[in-house]
N, C-alpha and C. Protein backbone atom coordinates (compact mmCIF):
# COMPACT_ATOMS: atom_id res chain seq x y z
N MET A 1 -6.48 24.91 3.50
CA MET A 1 -7.02 24.87 4.95
C MET A 1 -6.38 23.67 5.75
N ALA A 2 -5.86 23.98 6.96
CA ALA A 2 -5.25 23.02 7.74
C ALA A 2 -6.37 22.03 8.44
N SER A 3 -5.94 20.81 8.63
CA SER A 3 -6.76 19.78 9.21
C SER A 3 -6.78 20.01 10.73
N SER A 4 -7.76 19.18 11.36
CA SER A 4 -7.79 19.15 12.76
C SER A 4 -6.53 18.60 13.33
N PRO A 5 -6.12 19.06 14.58
CA PRO A 5 -4.78 18.66 15.13
C PRO A 5 -4.75 17.08 15.36
N LEU A 6 -5.84 16.51 15.58
CA LEU A 6 -5.82 15.02 15.76
C LEU A 6 -6.65 14.37 14.69
N HIS A 7 -5.97 13.40 13.98
CA HIS A 7 -6.68 12.61 12.93
C HIS A 7 -6.62 11.13 13.25
N GLU A 8 -7.96 10.67 13.34
CA GLU A 8 -8.06 9.29 13.72
C GLU A 8 -8.24 8.41 12.62
N VAL A 9 -7.60 7.25 12.57
CA VAL A 9 -7.77 6.16 11.55
C VAL A 9 -8.01 4.87 12.13
N VAL A 10 -9.05 4.22 11.78
CA VAL A 10 -9.41 2.92 12.43
C VAL A 10 -9.36 1.83 11.20
N THR A 11 -8.58 0.81 11.39
CA THR A 11 -8.51 -0.30 10.52
C THR A 11 -8.84 -1.61 11.24
N ASP A 12 -8.92 -2.69 10.54
CA ASP A 12 -9.08 -3.97 11.09
C ASP A 12 -7.90 -4.36 12.18
N GLN A 13 -6.73 -3.83 11.99
CA GLN A 13 -5.59 -4.06 12.88
C GLN A 13 -5.47 -3.20 13.90
N PHE A 14 -5.71 -1.88 13.89
CA PHE A 14 -5.47 -0.92 14.85
C PHE A 14 -6.31 0.33 14.76
N ARG A 15 -6.17 1.14 15.80
CA ARG A 15 -6.75 2.49 15.89
C ARG A 15 -5.45 3.50 15.95
N ALA A 16 -5.41 4.40 15.09
CA ALA A 16 -4.20 5.27 15.14
C ALA A 16 -4.66 6.71 15.20
N VAL A 17 -4.13 7.44 16.18
CA VAL A 17 -4.28 8.88 16.22
C VAL A 17 -3.03 9.68 15.89
N PHE A 18 -3.22 10.42 14.69
CA PHE A 18 -2.11 11.15 14.10
C PHE A 18 -2.21 12.60 14.64
N MET A 19 -1.06 13.14 15.20
CA MET A 19 -1.03 14.47 15.80
C MET A 19 -0.48 15.42 14.81
N LEU A 20 -1.24 15.99 14.06
CA LEU A 20 -1.05 16.95 12.96
C LEU A 20 -0.57 18.30 13.52
N GLY A 21 0.32 18.95 12.88
CA GLY A 21 0.69 20.30 13.26
C GLY A 21 -0.32 21.27 12.68
N ALA A 22 -0.23 22.52 13.05
CA ALA A 22 -1.25 23.53 12.65
C ALA A 22 -1.23 23.66 11.19
N GLU A 23 -0.31 23.57 10.41
CA GLU A 23 -0.36 23.74 9.02
C GLU A 23 -0.32 22.42 8.23
N ASP A 24 -0.43 21.25 8.94
CA ASP A 24 -0.32 19.98 8.24
C ASP A 24 -1.68 19.58 7.57
N GLU A 25 -1.36 18.97 6.44
CA GLU A 25 -2.63 18.48 5.74
C GLU A 25 -2.55 16.87 5.63
N VAL A 26 -3.64 16.24 5.81
CA VAL A 26 -3.76 14.79 5.86
C VAL A 26 -3.11 14.15 4.67
N ASP A 27 -3.35 14.73 3.48
CA ASP A 27 -2.88 14.09 2.19
C ASP A 27 -1.37 14.43 1.96
N SER A 28 -0.63 15.37 2.71
CA SER A 28 0.68 15.76 2.32
C SER A 28 1.59 15.89 3.43
N VAL A 29 1.26 15.54 4.70
CA VAL A 29 1.99 15.62 5.91
C VAL A 29 3.25 14.74 5.72
N GLU A 30 4.49 15.38 6.09
CA GLU A 30 5.69 14.58 5.93
C GLU A 30 6.43 14.30 7.27
N ASN A 31 5.87 14.81 8.37
CA ASN A 31 6.39 14.68 9.64
C ASN A 31 5.31 14.70 10.58
N VAL A 32 4.94 13.53 11.18
CA VAL A 32 3.87 13.46 12.15
C VAL A 32 4.10 12.31 13.21
N ASP A 33 3.63 12.62 14.44
CA ASP A 33 3.63 11.66 15.40
C ASP A 33 2.32 10.92 15.42
N VAL A 34 2.39 9.58 15.78
CA VAL A 34 1.14 8.82 15.78
C VAL A 34 1.25 7.96 17.06
N GLU A 35 0.07 7.82 17.68
CA GLU A 35 -0.15 6.84 18.80
C GLU A 35 -1.11 5.74 18.25
N VAL A 36 -0.69 4.55 18.48
CA VAL A 36 -1.39 3.30 17.81
C VAL A 36 -1.97 2.53 19.03
N TYR A 37 -3.15 2.11 18.83
CA TYR A 37 -3.82 1.16 19.85
C TYR A 37 -4.20 -0.06 19.20
N LEU A 38 -3.62 -1.22 19.64
CA LEU A 38 -3.91 -2.53 19.10
C LEU A 38 -5.06 -3.20 19.86
N SER A 39 -5.71 -4.25 19.12
CA SER A 39 -6.82 -4.87 19.90
C SER A 39 -6.50 -5.47 21.13
N ASP A 40 -5.26 -5.92 21.29
CA ASP A 40 -4.76 -6.60 22.55
C ASP A 40 -4.67 -5.50 23.80
N GLY A 41 -5.13 -4.28 23.43
CA GLY A 41 -4.99 -3.32 24.53
C GLY A 41 -3.63 -2.65 24.64
N THR A 42 -2.57 -2.95 23.87
CA THR A 42 -1.24 -2.36 23.98
C THR A 42 -1.29 -1.05 23.22
N ARG A 43 -0.46 0.02 23.63
CA ARG A 43 -0.32 1.27 22.95
C ARG A 43 1.12 1.30 22.41
N TRP A 44 1.26 2.00 21.26
CA TRP A 44 2.50 2.06 20.60
C TRP A 44 2.70 3.48 20.05
N SER A 45 3.87 3.83 19.61
CA SER A 45 4.05 5.18 19.08
C SER A 45 5.12 5.06 17.88
N ALA A 46 4.96 6.12 17.05
CA ALA A 46 5.98 6.23 15.91
C ALA A 46 5.95 7.69 15.49
N THR A 47 7.09 8.10 14.87
CA THR A 47 7.20 9.35 14.20
C THR A 47 7.47 9.04 12.78
N PHE A 48 6.64 9.40 11.90
CA PHE A 48 6.77 9.14 10.45
C PHE A 48 7.36 10.45 9.85
N MET A 49 8.33 10.26 9.00
CA MET A 49 9.00 11.25 8.25
C MET A 49 9.41 10.80 6.87
N THR A 50 9.32 11.67 5.84
CA THR A 50 9.91 11.46 4.56
C THR A 50 11.43 11.82 4.57
N MET A 51 12.12 11.27 3.68
CA MET A 51 13.46 11.74 3.48
C MET A 51 13.62 13.21 3.30
N ARG A 52 12.75 13.71 2.39
CA ARG A 52 12.78 15.11 2.17
C ARG A 52 12.61 15.92 3.38
N GLU A 53 11.68 15.54 4.40
CA GLU A 53 11.52 16.31 5.58
C GLU A 53 12.79 16.25 6.43
N ILE A 54 13.47 15.09 6.48
CA ILE A 54 14.61 14.91 7.29
C ILE A 54 15.74 15.78 6.76
N GLU A 55 15.86 15.87 5.39
CA GLU A 55 16.89 16.79 4.75
C GLU A 55 16.61 18.23 5.10
N LYS A 56 15.31 18.58 5.03
CA LYS A 56 14.91 20.01 5.32
C LYS A 56 15.31 20.40 6.77
N ILE A 57 15.03 19.46 7.65
CA ILE A 57 15.34 19.69 9.11
C ILE A 57 16.91 19.80 9.29
N MET A 58 17.57 18.89 8.70
CA MET A 58 19.01 19.01 8.87
C MET A 58 19.69 20.12 8.19
N ASP A 59 19.10 20.69 7.13
CA ASP A 59 19.53 21.95 6.50
C ASP A 59 19.22 23.11 7.44
N ARG A 60 18.09 23.13 8.08
CA ARG A 60 17.72 24.16 9.11
C ARG A 60 18.77 24.17 10.20
N TRP A 61 18.97 22.97 10.72
CA TRP A 61 20.02 22.85 11.77
C TRP A 61 21.42 23.32 11.39
N ARG A 62 21.75 23.21 10.21
CA ARG A 62 23.09 23.61 9.72
C ARG A 62 23.22 25.07 9.92
N SER A 63 22.10 25.91 9.74
CA SER A 63 22.12 27.29 10.08
C SER A 63 21.96 27.54 11.55
N SER A 64 21.12 26.81 12.17
CA SER A 64 20.88 27.17 13.62
C SER A 64 22.00 26.59 14.63
N GLY A 65 22.69 25.69 14.13
CA GLY A 65 23.82 25.04 14.95
C GLY A 65 23.33 23.93 15.77
N GLU A 66 22.06 23.57 15.71
CA GLU A 66 21.51 22.37 16.45
C GLU A 66 22.14 21.14 15.88
N ASN A 67 22.21 20.06 16.72
CA ASN A 67 22.70 18.74 16.41
C ASN A 67 24.07 18.92 15.57
N SER A 68 24.94 19.56 16.20
CA SER A 68 26.37 19.76 15.61
C SER A 68 26.24 20.34 14.16
N GLY A 69 25.33 21.32 14.11
CA GLY A 69 25.13 22.06 12.74
C GLY A 69 24.70 21.15 11.81
N GLY A 70 23.70 20.34 12.15
CA GLY A 70 22.99 19.51 11.18
C GLY A 70 23.80 18.28 10.71
N ARG A 71 24.83 17.86 11.53
CA ARG A 71 25.70 16.77 11.06
C ARG A 71 24.95 15.40 11.30
N TYR A 72 23.90 15.42 12.11
CA TYR A 72 23.26 14.05 12.37
C TYR A 72 21.76 14.43 12.64
N PHE A 73 21.01 13.28 12.53
CA PHE A 73 19.51 13.32 12.83
C PHE A 73 19.24 11.99 13.67
N ARG A 74 18.53 12.14 14.80
CA ARG A 74 18.23 10.98 15.49
C ARG A 74 16.82 11.21 16.06
N SER A 75 16.09 10.07 15.99
CA SER A 75 14.69 9.96 16.55
C SER A 75 14.45 8.54 17.03
N GLY A 76 14.10 8.38 18.31
CA GLY A 76 13.97 7.01 18.81
C GLY A 76 12.94 6.25 18.17
N ASP A 77 11.87 6.71 17.70
CA ASP A 77 10.77 6.04 17.09
C ASP A 77 10.58 6.23 15.66
N LEU A 78 11.52 6.64 14.93
CA LEU A 78 11.42 7.12 13.60
C LEU A 78 11.19 5.93 12.57
N VAL A 79 10.12 6.25 11.80
CA VAL A 79 9.82 5.33 10.57
C VAL A 79 9.91 6.28 9.38
N ILE A 80 10.84 5.97 8.44
CA ILE A 80 11.04 6.79 7.25
C ILE A 80 10.16 6.13 6.17
N VAL A 81 9.34 7.03 5.53
CA VAL A 81 8.57 6.57 4.45
C VAL A 81 8.89 7.28 3.10
N ARG A 82 8.58 6.74 2.05
CA ARG A 82 8.90 7.26 0.76
C ARG A 82 7.87 8.29 0.40
N GLU A 83 6.59 8.07 0.77
CA GLU A 83 5.53 8.94 0.35
C GLU A 83 5.03 9.79 1.57
N ALA A 84 4.60 10.98 1.26
CA ALA A 84 4.00 11.83 2.32
C ALA A 84 2.52 11.40 2.38
N GLY A 85 1.85 11.87 3.47
CA GLY A 85 0.42 11.61 3.60
C GLY A 85 0.03 10.58 4.61
N ILE A 86 -0.96 10.72 5.29
CA ILE A 86 -1.50 9.77 6.35
C ILE A 86 -1.83 8.37 5.68
N SER A 87 -2.40 8.35 4.48
CA SER A 87 -2.73 7.21 3.81
C SER A 87 -1.58 6.20 3.56
N ALA A 88 -0.36 6.79 3.07
CA ALA A 88 0.82 6.04 2.84
C ALA A 88 1.34 5.57 4.20
N MET A 89 1.27 6.32 5.27
CA MET A 89 1.68 5.95 6.70
C MET A 89 0.86 4.71 7.00
N VAL A 90 -0.56 4.84 7.01
CA VAL A 90 -1.32 3.73 7.40
C VAL A 90 -1.00 2.43 6.60
N GLN A 91 -0.90 2.65 5.25
CA GLN A 91 -0.38 1.33 4.64
C GLN A 91 0.95 0.82 5.01
N THR A 92 1.83 1.69 5.32
CA THR A 92 3.15 1.21 5.89
C THR A 92 2.87 0.37 7.15
N MET A 93 2.03 0.93 8.10
CA MET A 93 1.81 0.31 9.38
C MET A 93 1.03 -1.14 9.09
N GLU A 94 0.13 -1.07 8.33
CA GLU A 94 -0.60 -2.33 7.94
C GLU A 94 0.29 -3.47 7.43
N SER A 95 1.16 -3.05 6.63
CA SER A 95 2.08 -3.93 5.94
C SER A 95 3.08 -4.49 7.10
N ALA A 96 3.72 -3.67 7.72
CA ALA A 96 4.64 -4.04 8.79
C ALA A 96 4.00 -4.89 9.87
N LEU A 97 2.81 -4.57 10.20
CA LEU A 97 2.18 -5.32 11.44
C LEU A 97 1.83 -6.78 10.77
N ALA A 98 1.44 -6.86 9.48
CA ALA A 98 1.18 -8.15 8.90
C ALA A 98 2.44 -9.04 8.76
N ASP A 99 3.54 -8.40 8.50
CA ASP A 99 4.84 -9.03 8.26
C ASP A 99 5.57 -9.36 9.53
N GLY A 100 5.45 -8.53 10.60
CA GLY A 100 6.42 -8.83 11.67
C GLY A 100 5.83 -8.38 13.08
N GLY A 101 4.65 -7.99 13.10
CA GLY A 101 4.05 -7.43 14.30
C GLY A 101 4.47 -6.05 14.67
N PRO A 102 4.03 -5.53 15.80
CA PRO A 102 4.28 -4.20 16.14
C PRO A 102 5.65 -3.80 16.43
N TYR A 103 6.52 -4.79 16.97
CA TYR A 103 7.97 -4.43 17.16
C TYR A 103 8.75 -4.29 15.95
N SER A 104 8.18 -4.59 14.83
CA SER A 104 8.92 -4.38 13.52
C SER A 104 8.88 -2.93 13.13
N ILE A 105 8.11 -2.10 13.72
CA ILE A 105 7.85 -0.66 13.21
C ILE A 105 7.47 0.26 14.31
N LEU A 106 6.98 -0.18 15.48
CA LEU A 106 6.50 0.77 16.44
C LEU A 106 7.23 0.58 17.72
N THR A 107 7.10 1.60 18.58
CA THR A 107 7.80 1.71 19.88
C THR A 107 6.70 1.54 20.87
N PRO A 108 6.86 0.55 21.92
CA PRO A 108 5.77 0.36 22.84
C PRO A 108 5.77 1.54 23.88
N LEU A 109 4.50 1.82 24.25
CA LEU A 109 4.31 2.84 25.30
C LEU A 109 3.81 2.20 26.66
N GLY A 110 4.27 2.56 27.71
CA GLY A 110 3.95 2.01 29.05
C GLY A 110 2.59 1.55 29.18
């Protein structure tokens, strides 16, 4: 059974709203956009993807002809993660924020 389209996670460092697709599951999602709210009032974004998901998309583009037949992949706010699932993505954000602040992993929103 698919999850709700919006999945909110609140930690000591941030509030994150993950925008799940119709068939996405919280524990196994491999491609998801997130909007992050920090305690200082700033808003940030990211697109989390696994390598497997990127490969799947590029293979599909090889057939469809998009992006020069799947020769390249580009996403302005991409964060590549080893593991699928919201939990792994939240852990990634927590670590990155602790190590280098939001600019190390997130894209600022106006």
